Amino acid sequence: MKKIAFLTAFLEMLFAMGTGASVQPQKNFDLQRFAGKWYRVGLAYDSPGFIPYRSKLTISMGIVEPKENGDVNMTMWTSKTSGCQRKVYIYEKSSVPGVFNYYSTRHKRVKDVTVVETNYTEYAMVFKHKKFNKEYTQVALYGRTKRLRADLMEKFRAYAKARGFSRESILTPPPAENCPSSGK
């Protein structure tokens, strides 16, 4: 009986490690303090399908709006060649504060989103995870402004490298010219 319990615990641990569960959310995460305008000023992404788009990436802006049930509406504005694109994502709360799930209509998969670190007034690091033929992760750096201190940018790069991202997959894009992130 002990062997079965040990084997079950071991398999659960392996499963958790494979799903990005080793990523810990911000301690005492406060969704109300996290709400509001954020700019995505950094991105680390390891998907081979993203490589052709790296040079086109610009700073994007998002609005985090908590709902009464603890879910979040996340509205993002991203610059495209055809103009500014607005998308609304619904992040469903999980049993762990700072951890959300959402269904990606593009990938037809559920993705996990974890706020790993924030000081609420200046920056936030967010970890996204999905399984799609293999495991893909993404780390994004958000700021309340379009420019962050150099130490925060370096903290983001170090965190992404520690998660296994190569230097080439860690991006700090320029501002967009045709979206709210440009201030227009």
C-alpha atoms as a PDB file:
ATOM      1  CA  MET A   1       0.000   0.000   0.000  1.00  0.00           C
ATOM      2  CA  LYS A   2       2.871   2.389   0.805  1.00  0.00           C
ATOM      3  CA  LYS A   3       4.455   1.613  -2.572  1.00  0.00           C
ATOM      4  CA  ILE A   4       1.225   2.549  -4.374  1.00  0.00           C
ATOM      5  CA  ALA A   5       0.917   5.805  -2.407  1.00  0.00           C
ATOM      6  CA  PHE A   6       4.545   6.657  -3.129  1.00  0.00           C
ATOM      7  CA  LEU A   7       4.156   5.845  -6.830  1.00  0.00           C
ATOM      8  CA  THR A   8       0.983   7.940  -7.037  1.00  0.00           C
ATOM      9  CA  ALA A   9       2.675  10.886  -5.325  1.00  0.00           C
ATOM     10  CA  PHE A  10       5.717  10.535  -7.591  1.00  0.00           C
ATOM     11  CA  LEU A  11       3.572  10.469 -10.748  1.00  0.00           C
ATOM     12  CA  GLU A  12       1.581  13.480  -9.564  1.00  0.00           C
ATOM     13  CA  MET A  13       4.847  15.338  -8.976  1.00  0.00           C
ATOM     14  CA  LEU A  14       6.087  14.466 -12.479  1.00  0.00           C
ATOM     15  CA  PHE A  15       2.781  15.593 -13.989  1.00  0.00           C
ATOM     16  CA  ALA A  16       2.910  18.872 -12.072  1.00  0.00           C
ATOM     17  CA  MET A  17       6.477  19.534 -13.199  1.00  0.00           C
ATOM     18  CA  GLY A  18       5.471  18.939 -16.794  1.00  0.00           C
ATOM     19  CA  THR A  19       2.599  21.422 -16.672  1.00  0.00           C
ATOM     20  CA  GLY A  20       4.490  24.439 -15.456  1.00  0.00           C
ATOM     21  CA  ALA A  21       3.160  23.988 -11.929  1.00  0.00           C
ATOM     22  CA  SER A  22       6.633  24.630 -10.510  1.00  0.00           C
ATOM     23  CA  VAL A  23       6.050  28.315 -11.268  1.00  0.00           C
ATOM     24  CA  GLN A  24       4.906  30.080  -8.119  1.00  0.00           C
ATOM     25  CA  PRO A  25       2.521  33.056  -8.180  1.00  0.00           C
ATOM     26  CA  GLN A  26       3.122  36.365  -6.435  1.00  0.00           C
ATOM     27  CA  LYS A  27       2.785  35.876  -2.689  1.00  0.00           C
ATOM     28  CA  ASN A  28      -0.461  37.410  -1.342  1.00  0.00           C
ATOM     29  CA  PHE A  29      -1.555  38.370  -4.863  1.00  0.00           C
ATOM     30  CA  ASP A  30      -4.139  41.193  -4.818  1.00  0.00           C
ATOM     31  CA  LEU A  31      -6.221  41.345  -7.995  1.00  0.00           C
ATOM     32  CA  GLN A  32      -7.713  44.746  -7.164  1.00  0.00           C
ATOM     33  CA  ARG A  33      -4.251  46.310  -6.879  1.00  0.00           C
ATOM     34  CA  PHE A  34      -3.229  44.550 -10.115  1.00  0.00           C
ATOM     35  CA  ALA A  35      -6.167  45.999 -12.071  1.00  0.00           C
ATOM     36  CA  GLY A  36      -5.711  48.806 -14.561  1.00  0.00           C
ATOM     37  CA  LYS A  37      -3.481  49.723 -17.490  1.00  0.00           C
ATOM     38  CA  TRP A  38      -0.319  47.749 -18.265  1.00  0.00           C
ATOM     39  CA  TYR A  39       2.155  47.901 -21.147  1.00  0.00           C
ATOM     40  CA  ARG A  40       3.872  44.726 -22.353  1.00  0.00           C
ATOM     41  CA  VAL A  41       7.459  45.948 -22.593  1.00  0.00           C
ATOM     42  CA  GLY A  42       9.257  42.599 -22.670  1.00  0.00           C
ATOM     43  CA  LEU A  43       8.553  39.135 -24.013  1.00  0.00           C
ATOM     44  CA  ALA A  44      10.409  35.829 -23.932  1.00  0.00           C
ATOM     45  CA  TYR A  45       8.858  33.214 -26.205  1.00  0.00           C
ATOM     46  CA  ASP A  46      10.300  29.940 -27.478  1.00  0.00           C
ATOM     47  CA  SER A  47       7.787  28.926 -30.147  1.00  0.00           C
ATOM     48  CA  PRO A  48       9.418  28.302 -33.552  1.00  0.00           C
ATOM     49  CA  GLY A  49       6.262  29.690 -35.183  1.00  0.00           C
ATOM     50  CA  PHE A  50       6.922  33.062 -33.569  1.00  0.00           C
ATOM     51  CA  ILE A  51      10.398  33.576 -35.094  1.00  0.00           C
ATOM     52  CA  PRO A  52       9.178  35.346 -38.294  1.00  0.00           C
ATOM     53  CA  TYR A  53       7.192  37.853 -36.184  1.00  0.00           C
ATOM     54  CA  ARG A  54       9.924  38.887 -33.741  1.00  0.00           C
ATOM     55  CA  SER A  55      10.993  41.953 -35.704  1.00  0.00           C
ATOM     56  CA  LYS A  56       7.364  43.100 -35.966  1.00  0.00           C
ATOM     57  CA  LEU A  57       6.695  42.996 -32.218  1.00  0.00           C
ATOM     58  CA  THR A  58       5.941  46.329 -30.561  1.00  0.00           C
ATOM     59  CA  ILE A  59       4.930  47.398 -27.078  1.00  0.00           C
ATOM     60  CA  SER A  60       1.260  46.586 -26.586  1.00  0.00           C
ATOM     61  CA  MET A  61      -1.170  47.911 -24.025  1.00  0.00           C
ATOM     62  CA  GLY A  62      -3.662  46.016 -21.905  1.00  0.00           C
ATOM     63  CA  ILE A  63      -6.370  46.801 -19.399  1.00  0.00           C
ATOM     64  CA  VAL A  64      -6.958  44.334 -16.543  1.00  0.00           C
ATOM     65  CA  GLU A  65     -10.566  44.495 -15.322  1.00  0.00           C
ATOM     66  CA  PRO A  66     -11.546  42.216 -12.412  1.00  0.00           C
ATOM     67  CA  LYS A  67     -15.051  40.764 -12.504  1.00  0.00           C
ATOM     68  CA  GLU A  68     -17.174  40.155  -9.413  1.00  0.00           C
ATOM     69  CA  ASN A  69     -16.595  36.385  -9.550  1.00  0.00           C
ATOM     70  CA  GLY A  70     -12.779  36.777  -9.505  1.00  0.00           C
ATOM     71  CA  ASP A  71     -12.289  36.254 -13.238  1.00  0.00           C
ATOM     72  CA  VAL A  72     -10.573  38.942 -15.301  1.00  0.00           C
ATOM     73  CA  ASN A  73     -11.340  40.667 -18.578  1.00  0.00           C
ATOM     74  CA  MET A  74      -8.026  41.415 -20.255  1.00  0.00           C
ATOM     75  CA  THR A  75      -8.315  43.795 -23.193  1.00  0.00           C
ATOM     76  CA  MET A  76      -5.143  44.032 -25.301  1.00  0.00           C
ATOM     77  CA  TRP A  77      -4.316  46.434 -28.118  1.00  0.00           C
ATOM     78  CA  THR A  78      -1.624  45.204 -30.507  1.00  0.00           C
ATOM     79  CA  SER A  79      -0.166  46.889 -33.585  1.00  0.00           C
ATOM     80  CA  LYS A  80      -0.633  45.000 -36.866  1.00  0.00           C
ATOM     81  CA  THR A  81       0.254  46.033 -40.401  1.00  0.00           C
ATOM     82  CA  SER A  82      -3.459  46.610 -41.015  1.00  0.00           C
ATOM     83  CA  GLY A  83      -3.743  48.884 -37.961  1.00  0.00           C
ATOM     84  CA  CYS A  84      -4.486  48.486 -34.300  1.00  0.00           C
ATOM     85  CA  GLN A  85      -6.076  45.191 -33.229  1.00  0.00           C
ATOM     86  CA  ARG A  86      -8.153  44.908 -30.051  1.00  0.00           C
ATOM     87  CA  LYS A  87      -8.726  41.538 -28.389  1.00  0.00           C
ATOM     88  CA  VAL A  88     -10.554  40.686 -25.194  1.00  0.00           C
ATOM     89  CA  TYR A  89      -9.484  37.640 -23.215  1.00  0.00           C
ATOM     90  CA  ILE A  90     -11.373  36.161 -20.291  1.00  0.00           C
ATOM     91  CA  TYR A  91      -8.987  34.847 -17.666  1.00  0.00           C
ATOM     92  CA  GLU A  92     -10.766  32.436 -15.351  1.00  0.00           C
ATOM     93  CA  LYS A  93      -9.587  32.415 -11.765  1.00  0.00           C
ATOM     94  CA  SER A  94      -8.144  29.240 -10.338  1.00  0.00           C
ATOM     95  CA  SER A  95      -8.062  28.100  -6.735  1.00  0.00           C
ATOM     96  CA  VAL A  96      -4.670  29.850  -6.371  1.00  0.00           C
ATOM     97  CA  PRO A  97      -4.607  33.685  -6.283  1.00  0.00           C
ATOM     98  CA  GLY A  98      -2.523  35.029  -9.164  1.00  0.00           C
ATOM     99  CA  VAL A  99      -3.090  31.947 -11.356  1.00  0.00           C
ATOM    100  CA  PHE A 100      -5.625  32.065 -14.193  1.00  0.00           C
ATOM    101  CA  ASN A 101      -6.673  29.912 -17.150  1.00  0.00           C
ATOM    102  CA  TYR A 102      -7.972  30.998 -20.514  1.00  0.00           C
ATOM    103  CA  TYR A 103      -8.984  29.294 -23.717  1.00  0.00           C
ATOM    104  CA  SER A 104      -6.936  30.345 -26.747  1.00  0.00           C
ATOM    105  CA  THR A 105      -9.211  30.357 -29.780  1.00  0.00           C
ATOM    106  CA  ARG A 106      -6.129  30.600 -32.017  1.00  0.00           C
ATOM    107  CA  HIS A 107      -4.434  27.516 -30.541  1.00  0.00           C
ATOM    108  CA  LYS A 108      -7.645  25.797 -29.402  1.00  0.00           C
ATOM    109  CA  ARG A 109      -5.986  25.063 -26.062  1.00  0.00           C
ATOM    110  CA  VAL A 110      -6.315  26.119 -22.454  1.00  0.00           C
ATOM    111  CA  LYS A 111      -3.351  28.178 -21.283  1.00  0.00           C
ATOM    112  CA  ASP A 112      -2.219  28.810 -17.741  1.00  0.00           C
ATOM    113  CA  VAL A 113      -1.323  32.379 -16.792  1.00  0.00           C
ATOM    114  CA  THR A 114       0.594  33.075 -13.570  1.00  0.00           C
ATOM    115  CA  VAL A 115       1.527  36.479 -12.175  1.00  0.00           C
ATOM    116  CA  VAL A 116       4.915  35.483 -10.773  1.00  0.00           C
ATOM    117  CA  GLU A 117       6.040  38.861  -9.481  1.00  0.00           C
ATOM    118  CA  THR A 118       4.686  42.394  -9.232  1.00  0.00           C
ATOM    119  CA  ASN A 119       4.984  45.485  -7.098  1.00  0.00           C
ATOM    120  CA  TYR A 120       1.605  46.634  -8.522  1.00  0.00           C
ATOM    121  CA  THR A 121       2.702  50.228  -9.163  1.00  0.00           C
ATOM    122  CA  GLU A 122       5.594  49.712 -11.553  1.00  0.00           C
ATOM    123  CA  TYR A 123       6.057  46.230 -13.062  1.00  0.00           C
ATOM    124  CA  ALA A 124       4.766  42.664 -13.316  1.00  0.00           C
ATOM    125  CA  MET A 125       6.233  39.428 -14.686  1.00  0.00           C
ATOM    126  CA  VAL A 126       3.679  37.000 -16.085  1.00  0.00           C
ATOM    127  CA  PHE A 127       4.322  33.381 -17.043  1.00  0.00           C
ATOM    128  CA  LYS A 128       2.134  31.662 -19.673  1.00  0.00           C
ATOM    129  CA  HIS A 129       2.200  27.944 -20.312  1.00  0.00           C
ATOM    130  CA  LYS A 130       0.530  25.681 -22.868  1.00  0.00           C
ATOM    131  CA  LYS A 131       0.879  22.201 -24.286  1.00  0.00           C
ATOM    132  CA  PHE A 132       0.723  22.108 -28.083  1.00  0.00           C
ATOM    133  CA  ASN A 133       2.559  19.119 -29.574  1.00  0.00           C
ATOM    134  CA  LYS A 134       5.226  20.027 -27.005  1.00  0.00           C
ATOM    135  CA  GLU A 135       5.333  22.411 -24.085  1.00  0.00           C
ATOM    136  CA  TYR A 136       5.632  26.121 -24.774  1.00  0.00           C
ATOM    137  CA  THR A 137       6.126  28.866 -22.305  1.00  0.00           C
ATOM    138  CA  GLN A 138       6.165  32.605 -22.461  1.00  0.00           C
ATOM    139  CA  VAL A 139       7.340  35.191 -19.966  1.00  0.00           C
ATOM    140  CA  ALA A 140       6.088  38.746 -20.339  1.00  0.00           C
ATOM    141  CA  LEU A 141       7.227  41.877 -18.571  1.00  0.00           C
ATOM    142  CA  TYR A 142       4.541  44.488 -18.028  1.00  0.00           C
ATOM    143  CA  GLY A 143       4.978  48.041 -16.840  1.00  0.00           C
ATOM    144  CA  ARG A 144       2.588  50.753 -15.739  1.00  0.00           C
ATOM    145  CA  THR A 145       4.597  52.933 -18.132  1.00  0.00           C
ATOM    146  CA  LYS A 146       6.274  52.134 -21.463  1.00  0.00           C
ATOM    147  CA  ARG A 147       9.748  52.499 -19.960  1.00  0.00           C
ATOM    148  CA  LEU A 148      11.008  50.617 -16.922  1.00  0.00           C
ATOM    149  CA  ARG A 149      14.155  51.019 -14.898  1.00  0.00           C
ATOM    150  CA  ALA A 150      17.221  49.167 -16.205  1.00  0.00           C
ATOM    151  CA  ASP A 151      17.327  46.932 -13.098  1.00  0.00           C
ATOM    152  CA  LEU A 152      13.771  45.721 -13.780  1.00  0.00           C
ATOM    153  CA  MET A 153      14.610  44.974 -17.407  1.00  0.00           C
ATOM    154  CA  GLU A 154      17.644  42.992 -16.248  1.00  0.00           C
ATOM    155  CA  LYS A 155      15.543  41.170 -13.634  1.00  0.00           C
ATOM    156  CA  PHE A 156      13.168  40.117 -16.427  1.00  0.00           C
ATOM    157  CA  ARG A 157      16.032  38.904 -18.644  1.00  0.00           C
ATOM    158  CA  ALA A 158      17.575  36.943 -15.750  1.00  0.00           C
ATOM    159  CA  TYR A 159      14.215  35.335 -14.890  1.00  0.00           C
ATOM    160  CA  ALA A 160      13.630  34.358 -18.531  1.00  0.00           C
ATOM    161  CA  LYS A 161      17.141  32.900 -18.835  1.00  0.00           C
ATOM    162  CA  ALA A 162      16.624  30.949 -15.594  1.00  0.00           C
ATOM    163  CA  ARG A 163      13.429  29.480 -17.152  1.00  0.00           C
ATOM    164  CA  GLY A 164      15.509  28.240 -20.127  1.00  0.00           C
ATOM    165  CA  PHE A 165      14.971  30.989 -22.705  1.00  0.00           C
ATOM    166  CA  SER A 166      17.884  31.817 -24.973  1.00  0.00           C
ATOM    167  CA  ARG A 167      19.090  35.411 -25.220  1.00  0.00           C
ATOM    168  CA  GLU A 168      17.689  35.560 -28.785  1.00  0.00           C
ATOM    169  CA  SER A 169      14.169  34.685 -27.602  1.00  0.00           C
ATOM    170  CA  ILE A 170      14.061  37.543 -25.043  1.00  0.00           C
ATOM    171  CA  LEU A 171      12.691  40.690 -26.662  1.00  0.00           C
ATOM    172  CA  THR A 172      12.213  44.296 -25.565  1.00  0.00           C
ATOM    173  CA  PRO A 173      10.138  45.781 -28.393  1.00  0.00           C
ATOM    174  CA  PRO A 174       9.809  49.414 -29.480  1.00  0.00           C
ATOM    175  CA  PRO A 175       6.567  51.405 -28.985  1.00  0.00           C
ATOM    176  CA  ALA A 176       3.726  50.935 -31.459  1.00  0.00           C
ATOM    177  CA  GLU A 177       2.867  53.803 -33.763  1.00  0.00           C
ATOM    178  CA  ASN A 178      -0.808  53.100 -34.441  1.00  0.00           C
ATOM    179  CA  CYS A 179      -2.206  51.790 -31.148  1.00  0.00           C
ATOM    180  CA  PRO A 180      -2.994  53.109 -27.679  1.00  0.00           C
ATOM    181  CA  SER A 181       0.476  52.018 -26.531  1.00  0.00           C
ATOM    182  CA  SER A 182       1.960  54.861 -28.558  1.00  0.00           C
ATOM    183  CA  GLY A 183      -0.031  57.422 -26.625  1.00  0.00           C
ATOM    184  CA  LYS A 184      -2.090  58.364 -29.698  1.00  0.00           C
END
